[in-house]
Amino acid sequence: MKITKEEDYGILLIQALLYPGGKSYISLSEISQKYKLSEFFLKRVANKIKKAGLIKSKEGVKGGYILSKAPSSISYGEVLHAISGPIDISPSCNECGKKICHQKMVWQNINETITNLLDSIKIKNSI
């Protein structure tokens, strides 16, 4: 499993929204300048995270983005899932045609363990 650039931007965006204490909106241009990120790419990531309900936005001069959940309740797994869908590291394992495939069960257990770990680590507690 490798974290994509989009997922990395998503984690960084959530972390950037933690620092003002969650009380004021921050513009993507401010975040992109501070962290030297592409604002266009950051907007695409923000839209996915917003659709998942982790952040909300407000237009206008004092607009921008803000967390829509308590920082201590947002996990790494939740952010990754918002951007890329369910975590699945298991290889495509349908070739053998067996009803019970031990190799597939092993990969499913590993996948579940990684998912549970990522869901248990909260962004606020990891900084």
N, C-alpha and C. Protein backbone atom coordinates (compact mmCIF):
# COMPACT_ATOMS: atom_id res chain seq x y z
N MET A 1 0.85 -1.17 0.00
CA MET A 1 0.00 0.00 0.00
C MET A 1 0.90 1.23 0.00
N LYS A 2 0.60 2.14 -0.88
CA LYS A 2 1.36 3.38 -0.95
C LYS A 2 0.37 4.54 -0.90
N ILE A 3 0.66 5.52 -0.06
CA ILE A 3 -0.19 6.70 0.05
C ILE A 3 0.01 7.54 -1.20
N THR A 4 -1.09 7.91 -1.85
CA THR A 4 -1.02 8.71 -3.06
C THR A 4 -0.80 10.18 -2.72
N LYS A 5 -0.44 10.94 -3.71
CA LYS A 5 -0.27 12.38 -3.53
C LYS A 5 -1.59 13.02 -3.08
N GLU A 6 -2.67 12.56 -3.65
CA GLU A 6 -4.00 13.08 -3.30
C GLU A 6 -4.33 12.79 -1.83
N GLU A 7 -4.03 11.59 -1.37
CA GLU A 7 -4.27 11.22 0.02
C GLU A 7 -3.38 12.04 0.97
N ASP A 8 -2.14 12.23 0.57
CA ASP A 8 -1.21 13.03 1.36
C ASP A 8 -1.71 14.47 1.49
N TYR A 9 -2.18 15.04 0.40
CA TYR A 9 -2.75 16.40 0.42
C TYR A 9 -3.97 16.44 1.34
N GLY A 10 -4.77 15.40 1.32
CA GLY A 10 -5.96 15.34 2.15
C GLY A 10 -5.63 15.37 3.63
N ILE A 11 -4.64 14.58 4.03
CA ILE A 11 -4.20 14.56 5.43
C ILE A 11 -3.65 15.93 5.80
N LEU A 12 -2.83 16.51 4.92
CA LEU A 12 -2.25 17.81 5.19
C LEU A 12 -3.33 18.89 5.30
N LEU A 13 -4.35 18.83 4.45
CA LEU A 13 -5.45 19.79 4.50
C LEU A 13 -6.17 19.72 5.84
N ILE A 14 -6.48 18.52 6.28
CA ILE A 14 -7.17 18.35 7.57
C ILE A 14 -6.28 18.90 8.70
N GLN A 15 -5.00 18.59 8.66
CA GLN A 15 -4.08 19.08 9.68
C GLN A 15 -3.98 20.61 9.66
N ALA A 16 -3.97 21.21 8.47
CA ALA A 16 -3.89 22.67 8.36
C ALA A 16 -5.13 23.32 8.97
N LEU A 17 -6.26 22.65 8.88
CA LEU A 17 -7.50 23.21 9.43
C LEU A 17 -7.58 23.05 10.95
N LEU A 18 -6.70 22.28 11.54
CA LEU A 18 -6.67 22.10 12.99
C LEU A 18 -6.11 23.33 13.71
N TYR A 19 -5.12 23.97 13.13
CA TYR A 19 -4.35 24.97 13.84
C TYR A 19 -5.10 26.23 14.25
N PRO A 20 -6.05 26.75 13.49
CA PRO A 20 -6.74 27.94 13.99
C PRO A 20 -7.76 27.61 15.08
N GLY A 21 -7.76 26.39 15.53
CA GLY A 21 -8.67 25.98 16.59
C GLY A 21 -10.06 25.66 16.07
N GLY A 22 -10.20 25.58 14.76
CA GLY A 22 -11.49 25.21 14.18
C GLY A 22 -12.55 26.29 14.30
N LYS A 23 -12.13 27.52 14.58
CA LYS A 23 -13.10 28.59 14.80
C LYS A 23 -13.21 29.55 13.62
N SER A 24 -12.29 29.48 12.68
CA SER A 24 -12.36 30.38 11.54
C SER A 24 -12.07 29.62 10.24
N TYR A 25 -12.63 30.13 9.17
CA TYR A 25 -12.43 29.53 7.85
C TYR A 25 -11.05 29.90 7.33
N ILE A 26 -10.42 28.96 6.63
CA ILE A 26 -9.11 29.20 6.02
C ILE A 26 -9.24 28.94 4.52
N SER A 27 -8.71 29.84 3.73
CA SER A 27 -8.80 29.68 2.28
C SER A 27 -7.77 28.67 1.79
N LEU A 28 -8.10 28.04 0.67
CA LEU A 28 -7.17 27.08 0.08
C LEU A 28 -5.92 27.79 -0.43
N SER A 29 -6.07 29.04 -0.87
CA SER A 29 -4.88 29.76 -1.34
C SER A 29 -3.90 29.99 -0.20
N GLU A 30 -4.42 30.26 0.99
CA GLU A 30 -3.56 30.43 2.17
C GLU A 30 -2.83 29.13 2.50
N ILE A 31 -3.56 28.02 2.45
CA ILE A 31 -2.95 26.71 2.74
C ILE A 31 -1.94 26.34 1.67
N SER A 32 -2.29 26.57 0.40
CA SER A 32 -1.38 26.20 -0.68
C SER A 32 -0.10 27.03 -0.65
N GLN A 33 -0.20 28.30 -0.27
CA GLN A 33 0.99 29.14 -0.16
C GLN A 33 1.86 28.71 1.02
N LYS A 34 1.21 28.45 2.14
CA LYS A 34 1.95 28.08 3.35
C LYS A 34 2.74 26.78 3.16
N TYR A 35 2.10 25.80 2.50
CA TYR A 35 2.72 24.48 2.34
C TYR A 35 3.30 24.23 0.95
N LYS A 36 3.24 25.27 0.10
CA LYS A 36 3.77 25.18 -1.27
C LYS A 36 3.14 24.02 -2.05
N LEU A 37 1.82 24.04 -2.08
CA LEU A 37 1.05 23.01 -2.78
C LEU A 37 0.27 23.64 -3.94
N SER A 38 -0.08 22.83 -4.89
CA SER A 38 -0.92 23.29 -5.99
C SER A 38 -2.33 23.57 -5.47
N GLU A 39 -2.78 24.81 -5.64
CA GLU A 39 -4.13 25.17 -5.17
C GLU A 39 -5.20 24.41 -5.96
N PHE A 40 -4.97 24.24 -7.26
CA PHE A 40 -5.92 23.51 -8.10
C PHE A 40 -6.08 22.07 -7.61
N PHE A 41 -4.97 21.41 -7.34
CA PHE A 41 -5.00 20.03 -6.87
C PHE A 41 -5.62 19.95 -5.48
N LEU A 42 -5.29 20.91 -4.62
CA LEU A 42 -5.82 20.97 -3.27
C LEU A 42 -7.34 21.13 -3.29
N LYS A 43 -7.85 21.91 -4.23
CA LYS A 43 -9.30 22.11 -4.35
C LYS A 43 -9.99 20.80 -4.71
N ARG A 44 -9.39 20.04 -5.60
CA ARG A 44 -9.96 18.74 -5.98
C ARG A 44 -10.03 17.81 -4.78
N VAL A 45 -8.99 17.81 -3.97
CA VAL A 45 -8.95 16.99 -2.76
C VAL A 45 -9.99 17.49 -1.75
N ALA A 46 -10.06 18.80 -1.58
CA ALA A 46 -11.01 19.40 -0.64
C ALA A 46 -12.45 19.03 -1.00
N ASN A 47 -12.76 19.00 -2.28
CA ASN A 47 -14.11 18.64 -2.71
C ASN A 47 -14.48 17.21 -2.30
N LYS A 48 -13.53 16.30 -2.40
CA LYS A 48 -13.79 14.91 -1.98
C LYS A 48 -14.00 14.81 -0.48
N ILE A 49 -13.19 15.53 0.27
CA ILE A 49 -13.29 15.50 1.72
C ILE A 49 -14.58 16.18 2.18
N LYS A 50 -14.95 17.23 1.49
CA LYS A 50 -16.20 17.93 1.80
C LYS A 50 -17.41 17.03 1.53
N LYS A 51 -17.36 16.32 0.43
CA LYS A 51 -18.45 15.40 0.07
C LYS A 51 -18.62 14.31 1.14
N ALA A 52 -17.52 13.93 1.79
CA ALA A 52 -17.57 12.92 2.84
C ALA A 52 -18.02 13.50 4.18
N GLY A 53 -18.19 14.82 4.25
CA GLY A 53 -18.69 15.46 5.45
C GLY A 53 -17.66 15.78 6.51
N LEU A 54 -16.38 15.73 6.15
CA LEU A 54 -15.33 16.02 7.13
C LEU A 54 -15.04 17.52 7.25
N ILE A 55 -15.29 18.26 6.17
CA ILE A 55 -15.08 19.71 6.17
C ILE A 55 -16.29 20.38 5.53
N LYS A 56 -16.41 21.67 5.75
CA LYS A 56 -17.43 22.45 5.06
C LYS A 56 -16.78 23.73 4.56
N SER A 57 -17.44 24.35 3.60
CA SER A 57 -16.86 25.55 3.00
C SER A 57 -17.85 26.70 3.05
N LYS A 58 -17.30 27.89 2.89
CA LYS A 58 -18.10 29.11 2.86
C LYS A 58 -17.46 30.02 1.82
N GLU A 59 -18.29 30.57 0.95
CA GLU A 59 -17.77 31.47 -0.08
C GLU A 59 -17.72 32.89 0.44
N GLY A 60 -16.93 33.71 -0.23
CA GLY A 60 -16.86 35.11 0.11
C GLY A 60 -15.51 35.52 0.66
N VAL A 61 -15.41 36.80 1.01
CA VAL A 61 -14.15 37.36 1.49
C VAL A 61 -13.64 36.66 2.73
N LYS A 62 -14.52 36.33 3.66
CA LYS A 62 -14.11 35.64 4.89
C LYS A 62 -14.40 34.15 4.80
N GLY A 63 -14.47 33.66 3.58
CA GLY A 63 -14.77 32.26 3.36
C GLY A 63 -13.55 31.38 3.39
N GLY A 64 -13.77 30.14 3.07
CA GLY A 64 -12.71 29.14 3.05
C GLY A 64 -13.25 27.81 3.53
N TYR A 65 -12.42 27.07 4.23
CA TYR A 65 -12.79 25.75 4.71
C TYR A 65 -12.60 25.66 6.22
N ILE A 66 -13.40 24.81 6.83
CA ILE A 66 -13.35 24.59 8.27
C ILE A 66 -13.72 23.13 8.52
N LEU A 67 -13.24 22.55 9.59
CA LEU A 67 -13.62 21.18 9.95
C LEU A 67 -15.09 21.15 10.31
N SER A 68 -15.79 20.11 9.92
CA SER A 68 -17.20 19.98 10.28
C SER A 68 -17.40 18.96 11.40
N LYS A 69 -16.31 18.36 11.84
CA LYS A 69 -16.34 17.39 12.94
C LYS A 69 -15.27 17.77 13.96
N ALA A 70 -15.41 17.27 15.14
CA ALA A 70 -14.39 17.49 16.17
C ALA A 70 -13.08 16.88 15.69
N PRO A 71 -11.97 17.60 15.82
CA PRO A 71 -10.68 17.08 15.36
C PRO A 71 -10.30 15.74 15.97
N SER A 72 -10.72 15.51 17.20
CA SER A 72 -10.36 14.25 17.86
C SER A 72 -11.16 13.06 17.34
N SER A 73 -12.15 13.33 16.47
CA SER A 73 -12.95 12.22 15.95
C SER A 73 -12.60 11.87 14.50
N ILE A 74 -11.69 12.60 13.88
CA ILE A 74 -11.33 12.35 12.48
C ILE A 74 -10.10 11.44 12.45
N SER A 75 -10.24 10.31 11.78
CA SER A 75 -9.13 9.35 11.70
C SER A 75 -8.44 9.41 10.33
N TYR A 76 -7.23 8.90 10.30
CA TYR A 76 -6.51 8.80 9.03
C TYR A 76 -7.30 7.93 8.05
N GLY A 77 -7.86 6.86 8.54
CA GLY A 77 -8.64 5.97 7.68
C GLY A 77 -9.83 6.68 7.05
N GLU A 78 -10.49 7.52 7.82
CA GLU A 78 -11.65 8.25 7.33
C GLU A 78 -11.25 9.20 6.18
N VAL A 79 -10.12 9.88 6.33
CA VAL A 79 -9.65 10.80 5.29
C VAL A 79 -9.25 10.01 4.03
N LEU A 80 -8.51 8.93 4.21
CA LEU A 80 -8.09 8.12 3.07
C LEU A 80 -9.29 7.54 2.34
N HIS A 81 -10.28 7.09 3.11
CA HIS A 81 -11.50 6.53 2.52
C HIS A 81 -12.27 7.61 1.74
N ALA A 82 -12.31 8.82 2.26
CA ALA A 82 -13.01 9.92 1.58
C ALA A 82 -12.39 10.22 0.22
N ILE A 83 -11.09 10.05 0.12
CA ILE A 83 -10.39 10.39 -1.11
C ILE A 83 -10.35 9.23 -2.10
N SER A 84 -10.06 8.03 -1.61
CA SER A 84 -9.81 6.91 -2.52
C SER A 84 -10.78 5.74 -2.39
N GLY A 85 -11.74 5.85 -1.51
CA GLY A 85 -12.66 4.74 -1.31
C GLY A 85 -12.09 3.75 -0.31
N PRO A 86 -12.72 2.59 -0.20
CA PRO A 86 -12.27 1.60 0.79
C PRO A 86 -10.82 1.19 0.56
N ILE A 87 -10.13 0.97 1.66
CA ILE A 87 -8.73 0.53 1.59
C ILE A 87 -8.73 -0.94 1.19
N ASP A 88 -7.95 -1.26 0.16
CA ASP A 88 -7.88 -2.65 -0.29
C ASP A 88 -6.50 -2.92 -0.83
N ILE A 89 -5.70 -3.59 -0.04
CA ILE A 89 -4.33 -3.91 -0.46
C ILE A 89 -4.24 -5.31 -1.07
N SER A 90 -5.32 -6.07 -0.99
CA SER A 90 -5.25 -7.45 -1.43
C SER A 90 -5.20 -7.55 -2.96
N PRO A 91 -4.39 -8.47 -3.44
CA PRO A 91 -4.32 -8.65 -4.90
C PRO A 91 -5.60 -9.30 -5.41
N SER A 92 -5.83 -9.16 -6.68
CA SER A 92 -6.99 -9.80 -7.29
C SER A 92 -6.74 -11.30 -7.22
N CYS A 93 -7.62 -12.00 -6.54
CA CYS A 93 -7.33 -13.39 -6.21
C CYS A 93 -8.49 -14.29 -6.62
N ASN A 94 -8.96 -14.14 -7.81
CA ASN A 94 -10.11 -14.93 -8.26
C ASN A 94 -9.72 -16.01 -9.27
N GLU A 95 -8.44 -16.20 -9.48
CA GLU A 95 -7.99 -17.08 -10.55
C GLU A 95 -8.11 -18.56 -10.23
N CYS A 96 -8.00 -18.92 -8.96
CA CYS A 96 -7.96 -20.35 -8.65
C CYS A 96 -9.35 -20.99 -8.76
N GLY A 97 -10.39 -20.24 -8.58
CA GLY A 97 -11.75 -20.75 -8.69
C GLY A 97 -12.23 -21.55 -7.48
N LYS A 98 -11.42 -21.63 -6.44
CA LYS A 98 -11.82 -22.35 -5.24
C LYS A 98 -12.84 -21.54 -4.44
N LYS A 99 -13.77 -22.25 -3.81
CA LYS A 99 -14.75 -21.57 -2.96
C LYS A 99 -14.09 -21.05 -1.69
N ILE A 100 -13.17 -21.83 -1.13
CA ILE A 100 -12.43 -21.41 0.06
C ILE A 100 -10.97 -21.29 -0.34
N CYS A 101 -10.49 -20.06 -0.37
CA CYS A 101 -9.11 -19.80 -0.77
C CYS A 101 -8.37 -19.23 0.44
N HIS A 102 -7.43 -19.99 0.96
CA HIS A 102 -6.71 -19.58 2.15
C HIS A 102 -5.86 -18.33 1.90
N GLN A 103 -5.29 -18.23 0.72
CA GLN A 103 -4.48 -17.05 0.39
C GLN A 103 -5.35 -15.79 0.43
N LYS A 104 -6.54 -15.89 -0.13
CA LYS A 104 -7.45 -14.74 -0.14
C LYS A 104 -7.85 -14.36 1.30
N MET A 105 -8.06 -15.35 2.15
CA MET A 105 -8.43 -15.09 3.54
C MET A 105 -7.29 -14.38 4.28
N VAL A 106 -6.05 -14.74 3.98
CA VAL A 106 -4.90 -14.10 4.60
C VAL A 106 -4.86 -12.62 4.21
N TRP A 107 -5.03 -12.34 2.91
CA TRP A 107 -5.01 -10.94 2.44
C TRP A 107 -6.17 -10.15 3.03
N GLN A 108 -7.32 -10.76 3.16
CA GLN A 108 -8.46 -10.07 3.75
C GLN A 108 -8.19 -9.73 5.22
N ASN A 109 -7.56 -10.63 5.95
CA ASN A 109 -7.21 -10.37 7.36
C ASN A 109 -6.20 -9.23 7.47
N ILE A 110 -5.20 -9.22 6.59
CA ILE A 110 -4.21 -8.14 6.59
C ILE A 110 -4.89 -6.82 6.27
N ASN A 111 -5.74 -6.83 5.27
CA ASN A 111 -6.46 -5.62 4.86
C ASN A 111 -7.31 -5.08 6.01
N GLU A 112 -8.01 -5.97 6.70
CA GLU A 112 -8.86 -5.57 7.83
C GLU A 112 -8.03 -4.99 8.97
N THR A 113 -6.87 -5.58 9.23
CA THR A 113 -5.99 -5.09 10.29
C THR A 113 -5.49 -3.68 9.98
N ILE A 114 -5.07 -3.46 8.74
CA ILE A 114 -4.59 -2.13 8.33
C ILE A 114 -5.72 -1.11 8.41
N THR A 115 -6.90 -1.47 7.94
CA THR A 115 -8.05 -0.58 7.98
C THR A 115 -8.39 -0.21 9.42
N ASN A 116 -8.43 -1.19 10.30
CA ASN A 116 -8.73 -0.93 11.72
C ASN A 116 -7.68 -0.03 12.36
N LEU A 117 -6.42 -0.24 12.01
CA LEU A 117 -5.35 0.59 12.55
C LEU A 117 -5.51 2.04 12.09
N LEU A 118 -5.71 2.24 10.80
CA LEU A 118 -5.88 3.60 10.27
C LEU A 118 -7.12 4.28 10.85
N ASP A 119 -8.16 3.51 11.08
CA ASP A 119 -9.38 4.07 11.68
C ASP A 119 -9.19 4.42 13.15
N SER A 120 -8.24 3.78 13.80
CA SER A 120 -8.03 4.02 15.24
C SER A 120 -7.12 5.21 15.52
N ILE A 121 -6.34 5.62 14.54
CA ILE A 121 -5.41 6.74 14.75
C ILE A 121 -6.09 8.04 14.35
N LYS A 122 -6.33 8.87 15.33
CA LYS A 122 -7.01 10.15 15.10
C LYS A 122 -5.98 11.22 14.72
N ILE A 123 -6.35 12.06 13.78
CA ILE A 123 -5.46 13.10 13.29
C ILE A 123 -5.00 14.01 14.42
N LYS A 124 -5.90 14.43 15.26
CA LYS A 124 -5.57 15.36 16.35
C LYS A 124 -4.55 14.76 17.31
N ASN A 125 -4.64 13.49 17.57
CA ASN A 125 -3.75 12.83 18.53
C ASN A 125 -2.40 12.46 17.95
N SER A 126 -2.24 12.57 16.63
CA SER A 126 -1.00 12.13 16.03
C SER A 126 -0.02 13.27 15.77
N ILE A 127 -0.43 14.49 16.04
CA ILE A 127 0.42 15.65 15.75
C ILE A 127 1.26 15.98 16.97
